[in-house]
Amino acid sequence: MQYLGLTWDHPRGYNALAAAAARLDPSRDGFALSWQKQPLEGFEAHPIADLCARYDLVVLDHPHVGEAVAAGCLQPLEWLFSADEIAALERDTIGPCLSSYRYDGQHWALPLDAATQVMAYRADLIEGAAPSTWDEVIALSKRLPVALSLAGPHAALTFQSIATAFGEPPAHGDPQVFVSHDTGAAVLDVMARIASRSPSIVWTLNPIGMLGHMARSRTVALCPLIYGYVNYARPAHSEVAAISFANAPRQTVGGRPGSTLGGTGIGISTRCKPSPELLNHLRWLMSEGAQSCFIPSHEGQPSRRSSWHNGAVNEQWNGFYQQTAETLEKAYVRPRFNGAIAFQTRCSQLIRDGLAEGRPHRAVLDDIQHAFSRAGAHS
């Protein structure tokens, strides 16, 4: 039997999956699996139902879950795996990486890859320790180039992370209210201060572009919130600098690091008729051996808690995992309702325009709340 999967075109998203599939022998294993890839932005450009109609396995981000459930295009894990297996995954997976795929009472993807917004910086450009609070980040931005990740959805994701650090995870207290005016204004004030000093060249860069720019150039010393990519912690050649990573900033020392969960999961489409052998292959991808050895060795980013604290894995990748694990454990899970992706896009545009034009914070926040309500927000 031949299965077809879709993932994203970055070594972190493709290499381990492709290498694992290449080990399969149809005569021995009973099936073959091939992975195709597309740009990360393609997952937002194409409806999840369209992708699931063409692929058996789809690597997706958890905000797509509400859309997928509404379209009926994914099979819940509860149909394919035992309750004990899912409970074990919940126990062994770091932070909310599995629970983020729980929606409408069921789980809709296996937590393949764990990521969240963390701090990235050039240790050779910063004297002493990296900042740990937002006040320290703002102070640093007065003497060194500090940049925000604002392209695509990342303006909204940065906003939500800072709000979480400030004690109000958006839409968590009242699912009909995105964020209060007081918290929202404080967040926009922080973003405006840093954005006004950010090099204009990075405003259009996604996290991969931003980290690549930081590795090649001295024009950005620190990005306080950006999705962590382990690949940049240990550069492949000497022409680029290593990027250091640390926990996301907090409002006060000892407070919660504010960060919006990312990462990806493997969804099984309703077109797929998974054989026992395919399910065993997916079980192996979630196993200790695959998560702590095979996946990190193929530039992937594991989701298993023990892998993030594994000494050999951290030595291999310059401590990336150990230095950011706390942020992942405490990451905020953004809205996942059907329409959340469209709202996220609109929210980011409103924030970017507001920062560029110097609009009053209250006007920006009113527009964000209006967009949130129109999107059909619910828990």
Protein backbone atom coordinates (compact mmCIF):
# COMPACT_ATOMS: atom_id res chain seq x y z
CA MET A 1 0.00 0.00 0.00
CA GLN A 2 1.24 3.49 -0.89
CA TYR A 3 0.60 6.50 1.36
CA LEU A 4 1.25 10.16 0.59
CA GLY A 5 2.10 12.83 3.17
CA LEU A 6 2.50 16.61 3.05
CA THR A 7 4.85 18.61 5.23
CA TRP A 8 6.67 21.96 5.03
CA ASP A 9 9.83 22.70 3.09
CA HIS A 10 12.35 23.30 5.84
CA PRO A 11 14.89 20.75 7.13
CA ARG A 12 13.11 20.79 10.50
CA GLY A 13 9.83 19.82 8.89
CA TYR A 14 11.00 17.46 6.18
CA ASN A 15 14.31 15.72 6.75
CA ALA A 16 13.41 13.36 9.60
CA LEU A 17 10.08 12.36 8.04
CA ALA A 18 11.68 11.68 4.67
CA ALA A 19 14.57 9.73 6.21
CA ALA A 20 12.17 7.62 8.28
CA ALA A 21 10.07 6.87 5.20
CA ALA A 22 13.19 5.96 3.20
CA ARG A 23 13.91 3.17 5.68
CA LEU A 24 10.65 1.43 4.82
CA ASP A 25 10.69 -1.67 2.63
CA PRO A 26 7.23 -2.43 1.19
CA SER A 27 8.02 -6.14 0.94
CA ARG A 28 8.95 -6.20 4.61
CA ASP A 29 6.82 -3.44 6.12
CA GLY A 30 3.71 -3.84 4.01
CA PHE A 31 3.50 -0.21 2.83
CA ALA A 32 5.43 2.70 1.36
CA LEU A 33 5.22 6.35 2.39
CA SER A 34 6.40 9.37 0.46
CA TRP A 35 6.44 12.95 1.72
CA GLN A 36 5.89 16.01 -0.41
CA LYS A 37 6.56 19.52 0.85
CA GLN A 38 5.32 23.05 0.34
CA PRO A 39 6.23 26.45 1.82
CA LEU A 40 5.03 27.04 5.37
CA GLU A 41 2.79 29.85 4.12
CA GLY A 42 1.08 27.36 1.82
CA PHE A 43 -0.70 25.78 4.77
CA GLU A 44 -2.45 29.09 5.41
CA ALA A 45 -3.14 29.72 1.73
CA HIS A 46 -4.84 26.35 1.15
CA PRO A 47 -7.90 25.23 3.14
CA ILE A 48 -7.07 22.24 5.32
CA ALA A 49 -9.96 20.29 3.73
CA ASP A 50 -8.34 20.69 0.31
CA LEU A 51 -5.03 19.34 1.58
CA CYS A 52 -6.68 16.43 3.35
CA ALA A 53 -8.53 15.49 0.16
CA ARG A 54 -5.17 15.02 -1.59
CA TYR A 55 -2.97 13.55 1.15
CA ASP A 56 -3.20 10.72 3.66
CA LEU A 57 -1.02 12.41 6.28
CA VAL A 58 -0.89 16.19 6.71
CA VAL A 59 1.52 18.06 8.95
CA LEU A 60 -0.47 20.92 10.44
CA ASP A 61 -0.39 23.60 13.12
CA HIS A 62 -2.98 23.40 15.90
CA PRO A 63 -4.87 26.63 15.00
CA HIS A 64 -6.16 24.76 11.93
CA VAL A 65 -7.93 22.19 14.12
CA GLY A 66 -11.23 24.05 14.40
CA GLU A 67 -11.37 24.49 10.63
CA ALA A 68 -10.51 20.81 10.11
CA VAL A 69 -13.16 19.59 12.55
CA ALA A 70 -15.78 21.79 10.91
CA ALA A 71 -14.83 20.32 7.52
CA GLY A 72 -14.76 16.75 8.85
CA CYS A 73 -11.46 16.07 7.07
CA LEU A 74 -9.37 14.53 9.87
CA GLN A 75 -9.75 11.31 11.81
CA PRO A 76 -9.55 11.71 15.60
CA LEU A 77 -6.75 9.82 17.29
CA GLU A 78 -9.37 8.14 19.45
CA TRP A 79 -10.49 6.14 16.40
CA LEU A 80 -7.01 4.75 15.80
CA PHE A 81 -5.14 4.60 19.11
CA SER A 82 -6.12 3.27 22.52
CA ALA A 83 -6.99 5.49 25.46
CA ASP A 84 -3.87 4.23 27.24
CA GLU A 85 -1.69 5.24 24.28
CA ILE A 86 -3.16 8.74 24.19
CA ALA A 87 -2.77 9.08 27.96
CA ALA A 88 0.88 8.06 27.65
CA LEU A 89 1.39 10.65 24.92
CA GLU A 90 -0.16 13.30 27.15
CA ARG A 91 2.20 12.32 29.95
CA ASP A 92 5.35 12.21 27.80
CA THR A 93 4.78 15.23 25.53
CA ILE A 94 6.28 18.54 26.58
CA GLY A 95 3.98 21.42 27.50
CA PRO A 96 0.60 21.69 25.75
CA CYS A 97 1.86 20.20 22.48
CA LEU A 98 -0.64 17.31 22.51
CA SER A 99 -3.48 19.08 24.30
CA SER A 100 -3.34 21.86 21.69
CA TYR A 101 -4.72 19.30 19.22
CA ARG A 102 -7.62 18.41 21.52
CA TYR A 103 -10.79 20.06 20.25
CA ASP A 104 -14.45 19.20 20.60
CA GLY A 105 -13.57 16.39 23.00
CA GLN A 106 -11.04 14.55 20.80
CA HIS A 107 -7.42 14.76 19.61
CA TRP A 108 -6.80 15.45 15.91
CA ALA A 109 -3.04 15.14 15.41
CA LEU A 110 0.04 13.42 16.83
CA PRO A 111 2.51 15.94 18.31
CA LEU A 112 5.46 15.49 16.00
CA ASP A 113 7.36 18.75 16.48
CA ALA A 114 7.48 21.11 19.47
CA ALA A 115 8.16 24.82 19.14
CA THR A 116 7.18 28.08 20.74
CA GLN A 117 8.32 31.68 20.65
CA VAL A 118 11.59 32.15 22.53
CA MET A 119 14.36 34.73 22.65
CA ALA A 120 17.07 34.57 19.97
CA TYR A 121 20.28 36.57 20.18
CA ARG A 122 23.85 36.88 19.04
CA ALA A 123 25.93 36.14 22.13
CA ASP A 124 28.95 37.77 20.45
CA LEU A 125 27.08 41.08 20.20
CA ILE A 126 25.56 41.20 23.68
CA GLU A 127 27.75 41.89 26.68
CA GLY A 128 26.79 39.68 29.60
CA ALA A 129 23.58 37.70 30.02
CA ALA A 130 20.57 38.03 27.76
CA PRO A 131 17.67 40.09 29.16
CA SER A 132 14.96 38.20 31.03
CA THR A 133 12.20 40.85 31.37
CA TRP A 134 10.51 43.19 28.94
CA ASP A 135 11.94 46.23 30.74
CA GLU A 136 15.41 44.79 30.18
CA VAL A 137 14.63 44.16 26.49
CA ILE A 138 13.50 47.76 26.05
CA ALA A 139 16.63 49.04 27.81
CA LEU A 140 18.83 46.90 25.57
CA SER A 141 17.07 48.22 22.46
CA LYS A 142 18.37 51.69 23.27
CA ARG A 143 21.98 50.61 22.74
CA LEU A 144 21.82 47.57 20.45
CA PRO A 145 19.65 46.66 17.44
CA VAL A 146 16.64 44.68 18.72
CA ALA A 147 13.99 43.53 16.24
CA LEU A 148 10.45 42.23 16.57
CA SER A 149 9.12 39.38 14.43
CA LEU A 150 6.15 41.06 12.73
CA ALA A 151 5.74 39.50 9.27
CA GLY A 152 2.74 37.37 8.36
CA PRO A 153 0.90 36.14 11.47
CA HIS A 154 3.78 36.96 13.77
CA ALA A 155 2.66 40.45 14.78
CA ALA A 156 -0.47 38.89 16.32
CA LEU A 157 1.53 36.03 17.84
CA THR A 158 3.99 38.45 19.43
CA PHE A 159 1.08 40.51 20.78
CA GLN A 160 -0.49 37.42 22.35
CA SER A 161 2.81 36.34 23.90
CA ILE A 162 3.43 39.68 25.57
CA ALA A 163 -0.15 39.79 26.83
CA THR A 164 0.40 36.34 28.35
CA ALA A 165 3.57 37.55 30.09
CA PHE A 166 1.54 40.50 31.39
CA GLY A 167 -0.95 38.12 33.02
CA GLU A 168 -3.80 38.06 30.47
CA PRO A 169 -3.60 35.21 27.94
CA PRO A 170 -5.90 36.44 25.14
CA ALA A 171 -9.42 34.96 24.99
CA HIS A 172 -8.77 32.70 27.98
CA GLY A 173 -10.69 34.59 30.67
CA ASP A 174 -13.70 35.44 28.51
CA PRO A 175 -13.58 33.63 25.16
CA GLN A 176 -15.63 36.43 23.59
CA VAL A 177 -13.07 39.12 24.55
CA PHE A 178 -9.66 38.96 22.92
CA VAL A 179 -7.87 41.17 25.43
CA SER A 180 -8.76 44.03 27.80
CA HIS A 181 -7.91 47.58 26.80
CA ASP A 182 -5.53 48.01 29.73
CA THR A 183 -3.45 44.96 28.91
CA GLY A 184 -3.67 45.51 25.17
CA ALA A 185 -2.49 49.10 25.48
CA ALA A 186 0.47 48.02 27.63
CA VAL A 187 1.41 45.38 25.05
CA LEU A 188 1.17 47.78 22.11
CA ASP A 189 3.27 50.29 24.02
CA VAL A 190 6.06 47.73 24.39
CA MET A 191 5.81 46.75 20.74
CA ALA A 192 5.78 50.38 19.58
CA ARG A 193 8.90 51.24 21.59
CA ILE A 194 10.89 48.35 20.15
CA ALA A 195 9.47 48.55 16.62
CA SER A 196 10.43 52.22 16.36
CA ARG A 197 14.07 51.18 16.71
CA SER A 198 13.91 47.92 14.72
CA PRO A 199 15.80 47.81 11.41
CA SER A 200 13.22 48.22 8.67
CA ILE A 201 14.82 45.44 6.60
CA VAL A 202 13.48 42.73 8.94
CA TRP A 203 9.82 43.81 9.07
CA THR A 204 8.95 41.51 6.17
CA LEU A 205 10.99 38.48 7.29
CA ASN A 206 9.35 35.34 8.65
CA PRO A 207 11.19 33.56 11.52
CA ILE A 208 13.36 31.52 9.15
CA GLY A 209 14.32 34.69 7.31
CA MET A 210 14.91 36.61 10.54
CA LEU A 211 17.14 33.93 12.06
CA GLY A 212 19.06 33.60 8.81
CA HIS A 213 19.55 37.37 8.72
CA MET A 214 20.76 37.39 12.33
CA ALA A 215 23.23 34.59 11.58
CA ARG A 216 24.69 36.43 8.56
CA SER A 217 24.53 40.06 9.71
CA ARG A 218 25.34 42.16 12.75
CA THR A 219 22.35 44.44 12.16
CA VAL A 220 20.13 42.53 14.64
CA ALA A 221 21.57 41.55 18.02
CA LEU A 222 18.38 40.17 19.56
CA CYS A 223 14.83 39.18 18.72
CA PRO A 224 12.83 38.84 21.95
CA LEU A 225 10.11 36.57 20.52
CA ILE A 226 10.61 34.26 17.58
CA TYR A 227 9.81 30.63 16.93
CA GLY A 228 12.82 28.58 17.93
CA TYR A 229 14.61 26.68 15.16
CA VAL A 230 17.25 24.37 16.55
CA ASN A 231 19.03 24.37 13.16
CA TYR A 232 20.39 27.88 13.84
CA ALA A 233 21.90 26.94 17.21
CA ARG A 234 24.62 24.97 15.43
CA PRO A 235 25.41 26.44 12.01
CA ALA A 236 26.36 24.07 9.23
CA HIS A 237 29.36 26.16 8.12
CA SER A 238 31.66 28.81 9.54
CA GLU A 239 30.43 31.66 7.33
CA VAL A 240 27.43 32.19 9.60
CA ALA A 241 27.25 32.80 13.35
CA ALA A 242 25.52 30.56 15.86
CA ILE A 243 22.28 31.90 17.30
CA SER A 244 21.80 31.55 21.05
CA PHE A 245 18.35 30.91 22.46
CA ALA A 246 16.82 31.65 25.86
CA ASN A 247 13.42 31.64 27.53
CA ALA A 248 10.91 34.25 26.38
CA PRO A 249 10.81 37.53 28.32
CA ARG A 250 8.66 37.91 31.44
CA GLN A 251 6.97 40.94 32.91
CA THR A 252 8.93 40.55 36.14
CA VAL A 253 11.76 38.30 37.30
CA GLY A 254 10.27 34.94 38.21
CA GLY A 255 7.06 35.56 36.26
CA ARG A 256 5.64 33.50 33.43
CA PRO A 257 7.60 33.64 30.18
CA GLY A 258 5.03 34.84 27.65
CA SER A 259 5.03 32.72 24.52
CA THR A 260 2.53 31.49 21.94
CA LEU A 261 2.78 27.79 21.14
CA GLY A 262 3.75 26.69 17.65
CA GLY A 263 5.06 23.33 16.47
CA THR A 264 3.32 20.83 14.23
CA GLY A 265 1.38 17.60 14.41
CA ILE A 266 0.65 14.77 12.00
CA GLY A 267 -3.02 14.63 11.09
CA ILE A 268 -4.55 11.54 9.49
CA SER A 269 -7.03 12.53 6.80
CA THR A 270 -10.41 10.93 6.34
CA ARG A 271 -9.32 9.79 2.88
CA CYS A 272 -6.63 7.62 4.54
CA LYS A 273 -7.24 3.97 5.33
CA PRO A 274 -4.37 3.43 7.76
CA SER A 275 -2.97 -0.07 7.96
CA PRO A 276 -1.70 -1.45 11.27
CA GLU A 277 1.81 -1.08 9.84
CA LEU A 278 1.33 2.63 9.11
CA LEU A 279 0.02 3.19 12.63
CA ASN A 280 3.04 1.38 14.03
CA HIS A 281 5.30 3.67 11.97
CA LEU A 282 3.56 6.69 13.53
CA ARG A 283 3.93 5.13 16.98
CA TRP A 284 7.65 4.78 16.32
CA LEU A 285 7.94 8.46 15.39
CA MET A 286 6.52 9.28 18.84
CA SER A 287 8.82 6.82 20.65
CA GLU A 288 11.74 7.66 22.91
CA GLY A 289 14.26 6.29 20.41
CA ALA A 290 12.94 8.29 17.48
CA GLN A 291 12.37 11.46 19.49
CA SER A 292 15.73 11.50 21.30
CA CYS A 293 17.96 10.05 18.57
CA PHE A 294 16.56 9.80 15.07
CA ILE A 295 14.61 13.06 14.82
CA PRO A 296 17.28 15.36 16.38
CA SER A 297 19.94 13.69 14.22
CA HIS A 298 17.93 14.63 11.13
CA GLU A 299 17.44 18.31 12.10
CA GLY A 300 13.97 17.76 13.53
CA GLN A 301 12.65 19.23 16.76
CA PRO A 302 11.14 16.55 19.03
CA SER A 303 7.98 16.86 21.11
CA ARG A 304 8.89 14.42 23.87
CA ARG A 305 9.73 16.04 27.22
CA SER A 306 12.61 13.69 27.96
CA SER A 307 14.21 14.59 24.61
CA TRP A 308 14.27 18.27 25.55
CA HIS A 309 16.19 17.41 28.71
CA ASN A 310 18.42 14.77 27.11
CA GLY A 311 22.08 15.59 27.74
CA ALA A 312 23.36 14.19 24.45
CA VAL A 313 20.70 16.03 22.43
CA ASN A 314 21.52 19.31 24.16
CA GLU A 315 25.23 18.82 23.66
CA GLN A 316 24.62 18.20 19.98
CA TRP A 317 22.58 21.40 19.62
CA ASN A 318 24.39 23.85 21.96
CA GLY A 319 21.84 23.62 24.77
CA PHE A 320 18.93 24.88 22.67
CA TYR A 321 16.40 22.55 24.29
CA GLN A 322 17.39 22.92 27.93
CA GLN A 323 17.62 26.70 27.63
CA THR A 324 14.06 27.10 26.31
CA ALA A 325 12.15 24.15 27.84
CA GLU A 326 10.51 26.24 30.57
CA THR A 327 8.94 28.52 27.98
CA LEU A 328 7.52 25.56 26.10
CA GLU A 329 6.10 24.01 29.27
CA LYS A 330 4.24 27.26 30.02
CA ALA A 331 3.31 28.25 26.46
CA TYR A 332 -0.03 29.87 25.67
CA VAL A 333 -2.40 28.07 23.29
CA ARG A 334 -4.03 30.54 20.91
CA PRO A 335 -7.66 30.36 19.69
CA ARG A 336 -8.45 27.39 17.41
CA PHE A 337 -12.07 28.00 16.42
CA ASN A 338 -13.17 27.72 12.82
CA GLY A 339 -12.11 31.13 11.52
CA ALA A 340 -9.12 31.58 13.85
CA ILE A 341 -6.60 31.62 11.00
CA ALA A 342 -8.44 34.39 9.16
CA PHE A 343 -8.67 36.40 12.39
CA GLN A 344 -4.96 35.90 13.06
CA THR A 345 -4.15 37.29 9.61
CA ARG A 346 -6.39 40.32 10.12
CA CYS A 347 -5.11 40.96 13.65
CA SER A 348 -1.52 40.95 12.45
CA GLN A 349 -2.28 43.43 9.70
CA LEU A 350 -4.04 45.75 12.15
CA ILE A 351 -1.07 45.66 14.52
CA ARG A 352 1.51 46.23 11.78
CA ASP A 353 -0.46 49.11 10.30
CA GLY A 354 -1.04 50.60 13.74
CA LEU A 355 2.66 50.50 14.56
CA ALA A 356 3.70 51.90 11.18
CA GLU A 357 1.12 54.68 11.24
CA GLY A 358 1.31 55.50 14.95
CA ARG A 359 -2.43 54.94 15.43
CA PRO A 360 -3.84 55.34 18.96
CA HIS A 361 -3.68 52.06 20.83
CA ARG A 362 -7.39 52.14 21.70
CA ALA A 363 -8.38 52.44 18.05
CA VAL A 364 -6.20 49.46 17.13
CA LEU A 365 -7.60 47.41 20.01
CA ASP A 366 -11.19 48.26 19.07
CA ASP A 367 -10.52 47.06 15.52
CA ILE A 368 -8.91 43.85 16.81
CA GLN A 369 -11.90 43.10 19.03
CA HIS A 370 -14.29 43.79 16.16
CA ALA A 371 -12.35 41.39 13.93
CA PHE A 372 -12.32 38.77 16.69
CA SER A 373 -16.08 39.00 17.15
CA ARG A 374 -16.76 38.90 13.40
CA ALA A 375 -14.57 35.81 13.04
CA GLY A 376 -17.04 33.88 15.16
CA ALA A 377 -14.82 33.59 18.22
CA HIS A 378 -15.70 30.95 20.74
CA SER A 379 -13.78 28.64 23.04
